[in-house]
């Protein structure tokens, strides 16, 4: 048997939740703990929040620049979310899959649906729920990143976002952060081992069957 590292096709890990339920902190930790997992960087027309940097959290672009990217067919998906547009550049994502790299998307349900429709065999969809709407409200106020009007809008939209949970393969309730992270990591590890993602498996089995003992 060859001693080279077995080849595998990457996967697209699509993680969604209403704002404040924990998808961003869980996603960042999963990426930090796994060398083969890369966080997809989206383009957005919204302004950066305190502490965010261009090309790290997002590519912050103007409306005109976003229009040009869409018209050029450079987006794998895009959607209007919270009065701004978000989109995923296509080329780096598809290149990562072919190289056996996994790509994580911290993404809304509209974007997750679009990507899953375009790449159904590569997509794994995970939705993060809050333990209660009261707790979701508390978390949004505690992080102190948005005005009261923005927070109210996010809470109002959360009901519609939560209603989309049936679009997802897995649903986690983030009561305890460490427990939710452990469940997320288990899902990721299991999905990496799916038979249809192991390009090396067919030839390897053929060598086993050809062996005479």
Protein backbone atom coordinates (compact mmCIF):
# COMPACT_ATOMS: atom_id res chain seq x y z
CA UNK A 1 0.00 0.00 0.00
CA UNK A 2 1.26 3.50 -0.75
CA UNK A 3 2.65 5.54 2.14
CA UNK A 4 1.29 8.78 0.73
CA UNK A 5 -1.45 10.57 2.62
CA UNK A 6 -4.84 9.24 1.41
CA UNK A 7 -6.70 11.71 -0.75
CA UNK A 8 -10.15 12.94 0.24
CA UNK A 9 -12.57 15.51 -1.04
CA UNK A 10 -13.21 18.44 1.25
CA UNK A 11 -16.59 19.35 2.70
CA UNK A 12 -18.56 22.55 3.19
CA UNK A 13 -19.65 23.01 6.80
CA UNK A 14 -22.60 25.44 6.81
CA UNK A 15 -23.35 26.78 10.30
CA UNK A 16 -26.31 29.08 10.90
CA UNK A 17 -28.16 30.55 13.85
CA UNK A 18 -30.05 33.67 14.83
CA UNK A 19 -27.73 36.47 15.94
CA UNK A 20 -26.51 35.83 19.48
CA UNK A 21 -27.03 32.05 19.54
CA UNK A 22 -23.31 31.33 19.32
CA UNK A 23 -22.46 30.29 15.78
CA UNK A 24 -19.57 32.71 15.40
CA UNK A 25 -17.74 31.78 18.61
CA UNK A 26 -18.30 28.07 17.99
CA UNK A 27 -17.16 28.36 14.39
CA UNK A 28 -13.98 30.25 15.25
CA UNK A 29 -13.02 27.67 17.86
CA UNK A 30 -13.60 24.76 15.49
CA UNK A 31 -11.39 26.38 12.86
CA UNK A 32 -8.67 27.13 15.43
CA UNK A 33 -8.64 23.49 16.54
CA UNK A 34 -8.48 21.89 13.07
CA UNK A 35 -5.67 22.59 10.62
CA UNK A 36 -7.60 21.28 7.59
CA UNK A 37 -10.59 23.54 8.26
CA UNK A 38 -10.65 27.04 6.78
CA UNK A 39 -13.15 29.77 7.51
CA UNK A 40 -14.81 31.11 4.39
CA UNK A 41 -14.48 34.87 4.16
CA UNK A 42 -17.59 36.51 2.76
CA UNK A 43 -17.95 39.83 1.03
CA UNK A 44 -20.43 42.21 2.64
CA UNK A 45 -21.78 45.69 2.15
CA UNK A 46 -22.28 46.30 5.87
CA UNK A 47 -19.78 48.47 7.75
CA UNK A 48 -17.26 46.73 10.02
CA UNK A 49 -18.02 46.33 13.71
CA UNK A 50 -15.48 47.34 16.37
CA UNK A 51 -12.46 45.04 16.16
CA UNK A 52 -13.25 43.65 12.70
CA UNK A 53 -10.69 43.92 9.91
CA UNK A 54 -11.00 43.82 6.13
CA UNK A 55 -10.10 40.36 4.69
CA UNK A 56 -10.12 38.80 8.16
CA UNK A 57 -13.78 38.69 9.23
CA UNK A 58 -15.18 39.92 5.90
CA UNK A 59 -14.27 41.62 2.67
CA UNK A 60 -15.98 44.95 3.26
CA UNK A 61 -17.05 46.30 -0.13
CA UNK A 62 -19.29 49.03 -1.47
CA UNK A 63 -22.66 48.37 -3.09
CA UNK A 64 -21.15 49.07 -6.50
CA UNK A 65 -18.29 46.60 -5.93
CA UNK A 66 -20.74 43.96 -4.76
CA UNK A 67 -22.86 44.47 -7.88
CA UNK A 68 -19.79 43.95 -10.08
CA UNK A 69 -18.93 40.67 -8.35
CA UNK A 70 -22.48 39.35 -8.77
CA UNK A 71 -22.67 40.35 -12.43
CA UNK A 72 -19.31 38.70 -13.11
CA UNK A 73 -20.55 35.40 -11.68
CA UNK A 74 -17.95 35.47 -8.93
CA UNK A 75 -20.36 34.60 -6.11
CA UNK A 76 -21.22 31.08 -5.02
CA UNK A 77 -24.22 32.61 -3.26
CA UNK A 78 -25.39 35.95 -1.99
CA UNK A 79 -28.34 37.28 -0.03
CA UNK A 80 -29.83 40.29 1.72
CA UNK A 81 -29.48 39.98 5.48
CA UNK A 82 -30.27 42.65 8.07
CA UNK A 83 -30.49 45.35 5.37
CA UNK A 84 -27.06 44.51 3.93
CA UNK A 85 -25.78 42.03 1.34
CA UNK A 86 -23.46 39.11 1.95
CA UNK A 87 -21.88 36.80 -0.61
CA UNK A 88 -19.36 33.98 -0.94
CA UNK A 89 -16.60 34.20 -3.58
CA UNK A 90 -16.80 31.00 -5.64
CA UNK A 91 -13.22 30.28 -6.80
CA UNK A 92 -11.40 29.81 -3.46
CA UNK A 93 -14.15 27.55 -2.10
CA UNK A 94 -14.16 25.17 -5.04
CA UNK A 95 -10.35 25.07 -5.11
CA UNK A 96 -10.28 24.10 -1.43
CA UNK A 97 -12.67 21.19 -2.01
CA UNK A 98 -10.52 19.78 -4.78
CA UNK A 99 -7.45 20.06 -2.54
CA UNK A 100 -9.12 18.07 0.25
CA UNK A 101 -9.60 21.12 2.46
CA UNK A 102 -12.77 21.76 4.43
CA UNK A 103 -14.46 25.16 4.40
CA UNK A 104 -16.64 26.45 7.24
CA UNK A 105 -19.37 29.01 6.57
CA UNK A 106 -20.73 31.24 9.33
CA UNK A 107 -23.80 31.97 7.27
CA UNK A 108 -27.52 32.83 7.33
CA UNK A 109 -30.16 30.30 6.33
CA UNK A 110 -30.66 31.84 2.88
CA UNK A 111 -27.00 31.50 2.01
CA UNK A 112 -26.81 27.99 3.45
CA UNK A 113 -29.74 26.91 1.30
CA UNK A 114 -28.16 28.39 -1.84
CA UNK A 115 -24.81 26.69 -1.25
CA UNK A 116 -26.45 23.36 -0.43
CA UNK A 117 -28.52 23.61 -3.61
CA UNK A 118 -25.37 24.26 -5.66
CA UNK A 119 -23.20 21.65 -3.92
CA UNK A 120 -25.53 19.12 -2.24
CA UNK A 121 -23.00 16.30 -1.97
CA UNK A 122 -20.37 18.53 -0.37
CA UNK A 123 -22.57 20.39 2.12
CA UNK A 124 -23.19 19.65 5.79
CA UNK A 125 -25.75 21.96 7.39
CA UNK A 126 -25.81 22.68 11.15
CA UNK A 127 -28.22 25.05 12.91
CA UNK A 128 -27.52 26.48 16.38
CA UNK A 129 -30.55 27.28 18.56
CA UNK A 130 -30.59 29.38 21.75
CA UNK A 131 -32.03 27.76 24.88
CA UNK A 132 -34.74 30.44 25.01
CA UNK A 133 -35.67 33.74 23.41
CA UNK A 134 -35.05 35.50 26.71
CA UNK A 135 -31.51 34.15 26.79
CA UNK A 136 -30.99 35.19 23.18
CA UNK A 137 -32.05 38.73 24.09
CA UNK A 138 -29.71 38.75 27.08
CA UNK A 139 -26.74 37.67 24.96
CA UNK A 140 -27.40 40.31 22.31
CA UNK A 141 -27.57 43.05 24.91
CA UNK A 142 -24.52 41.72 26.78
CA UNK A 143 -22.20 41.79 23.78
CA UNK A 144 -22.92 45.54 23.37
CA UNK A 145 -22.11 45.64 19.65
CA UNK A 146 -25.38 47.06 18.33
CA UNK A 147 -27.85 49.82 19.10
CA UNK A 148 -31.15 49.01 20.80
CA UNK A 149 -33.00 49.40 17.51
CA UNK A 150 -30.67 46.96 15.79
CA UNK A 151 -31.03 44.46 18.63
CA UNK A 152 -34.81 44.67 18.44
CA UNK A 153 -34.62 44.04 14.71
CA UNK A 154 -32.39 41.00 15.21
CA UNK A 155 -34.75 39.55 17.81
CA UNK A 156 -37.74 40.09 15.54
CA UNK A 157 -36.00 38.35 12.63
CA UNK A 158 -34.83 35.51 14.88
CA UNK A 159 -38.31 33.98 14.87
CA UNK A 160 -38.26 33.62 11.11
CA UNK A 161 -34.70 32.32 11.13
CA UNK A 162 -35.41 29.69 13.77
CA UNK A 163 -38.40 28.49 11.74
CA UNK A 164 -35.97 27.35 9.02
CA UNK A 165 -34.37 24.65 11.20
CA UNK A 166 -35.84 21.86 9.06
CA UNK A 167 -33.46 22.81 6.23
CA UNK A 168 -30.52 21.55 8.30
CA UNK A 169 -28.95 18.13 8.77
CA UNK A 170 -28.13 18.74 12.44
CA UNK A 171 -29.61 21.06 15.07
CA UNK A 172 -27.79 21.90 18.32
CA UNK A 173 -29.16 23.83 21.29
CA UNK A 174 -26.42 26.03 22.75
CA UNK A 175 -27.25 25.83 26.45
CA UNK A 176 -23.65 25.29 27.51
CA UNK A 177 -20.87 26.52 25.21
CA UNK A 178 -18.39 23.70 25.86
CA UNK A 179 -21.04 21.02 25.44
CA UNK A 180 -22.30 22.58 22.22
CA UNK A 181 -18.74 22.77 20.92
CA UNK A 182 -18.10 19.10 21.71
CA UNK A 183 -21.23 18.11 19.77
CA UNK A 184 -20.20 20.33 16.85
CA UNK A 185 -16.72 18.79 16.75
CA UNK A 186 -18.16 15.25 16.82
CA UNK A 187 -20.39 16.05 13.85
CA UNK A 188 -17.46 17.48 11.91
CA UNK A 189 -15.23 14.48 12.62
CA UNK A 190 -17.92 12.01 11.57
CA UNK A 191 -18.72 13.85 8.36
CA UNK A 192 -15.03 13.88 7.38
CA UNK A 193 -15.08 10.07 7.49
CA UNK A 194 -18.07 9.53 5.22
CA UNK A 195 -17.35 6.93 2.57
CA UNK A 196 -18.15 9.16 -0.40
CA UNK A 197 -15.56 11.75 0.72
CA UNK A 198 -12.69 9.23 0.71
CA UNK A 199 -11.38 9.31 -2.87
CA UNK A 200 -8.66 6.82 -1.91
CA UNK A 201 -11.05 4.18 -0.57
CA UNK A 202 -12.13 2.49 -3.81
CA UNK A 203 -8.60 1.82 -5.11
CA UNK A 204 -7.52 0.69 -1.64
CA UNK A 205 -10.36 -1.83 -1.40
CA UNK A 206 -9.44 -3.13 -4.85
CA UNK A 207 -5.90 -3.83 -3.64
CA UNK A 208 -7.29 -5.67 -0.63
CA UNK A 209 -9.54 -7.81 -2.80
CA UNK A 210 -6.63 -8.58 -5.13
CA UNK A 211 -4.42 -9.88 -2.32
CA UNK A 212 -4.06 -13.64 -2.07
CA UNK A 213 -3.30 -15.23 1.28
